[in-house]
Amino acid sequence: MSENQLFRGSFHSFEVNADFSEAVVVMRDSSRLVLRHRVGERWAKAVGADGMGKEAGLAGQVLASIVMFRLNAKHLDIDFNDGSRWEVSFRDASKRH
């Protein structure tokens, strides 16, 4: 199973903020992958269903496989260790996803 397939199988939903600098990806187990990309700041963290990182569940597994991500008004693009990737395009930047 590729890391992209792990992500797709774990993915439930996501939200992105109005200026496309932070996205929260909710996993099937209610854990969350939080991605922030601003000028001079890029980080990702896994948050468990309990709101803490100690039991990060599926989000922790996915986080461990991420090499890099990009988040902007155009898209959220995630590159994985095995060379696979996942991308969602924001066709209309005025709409929240």
Foldseek 3Di string as FASTA:
>chain_A
DDLVVLCVQFFDDKWADLFFQWMWTATPQRKIWIWGHDVVDTDIAIAPNVRHRPCRDSNVVSVVFWPDWDIGLAWTKTAGPVGDIDIDGNPDSRDID
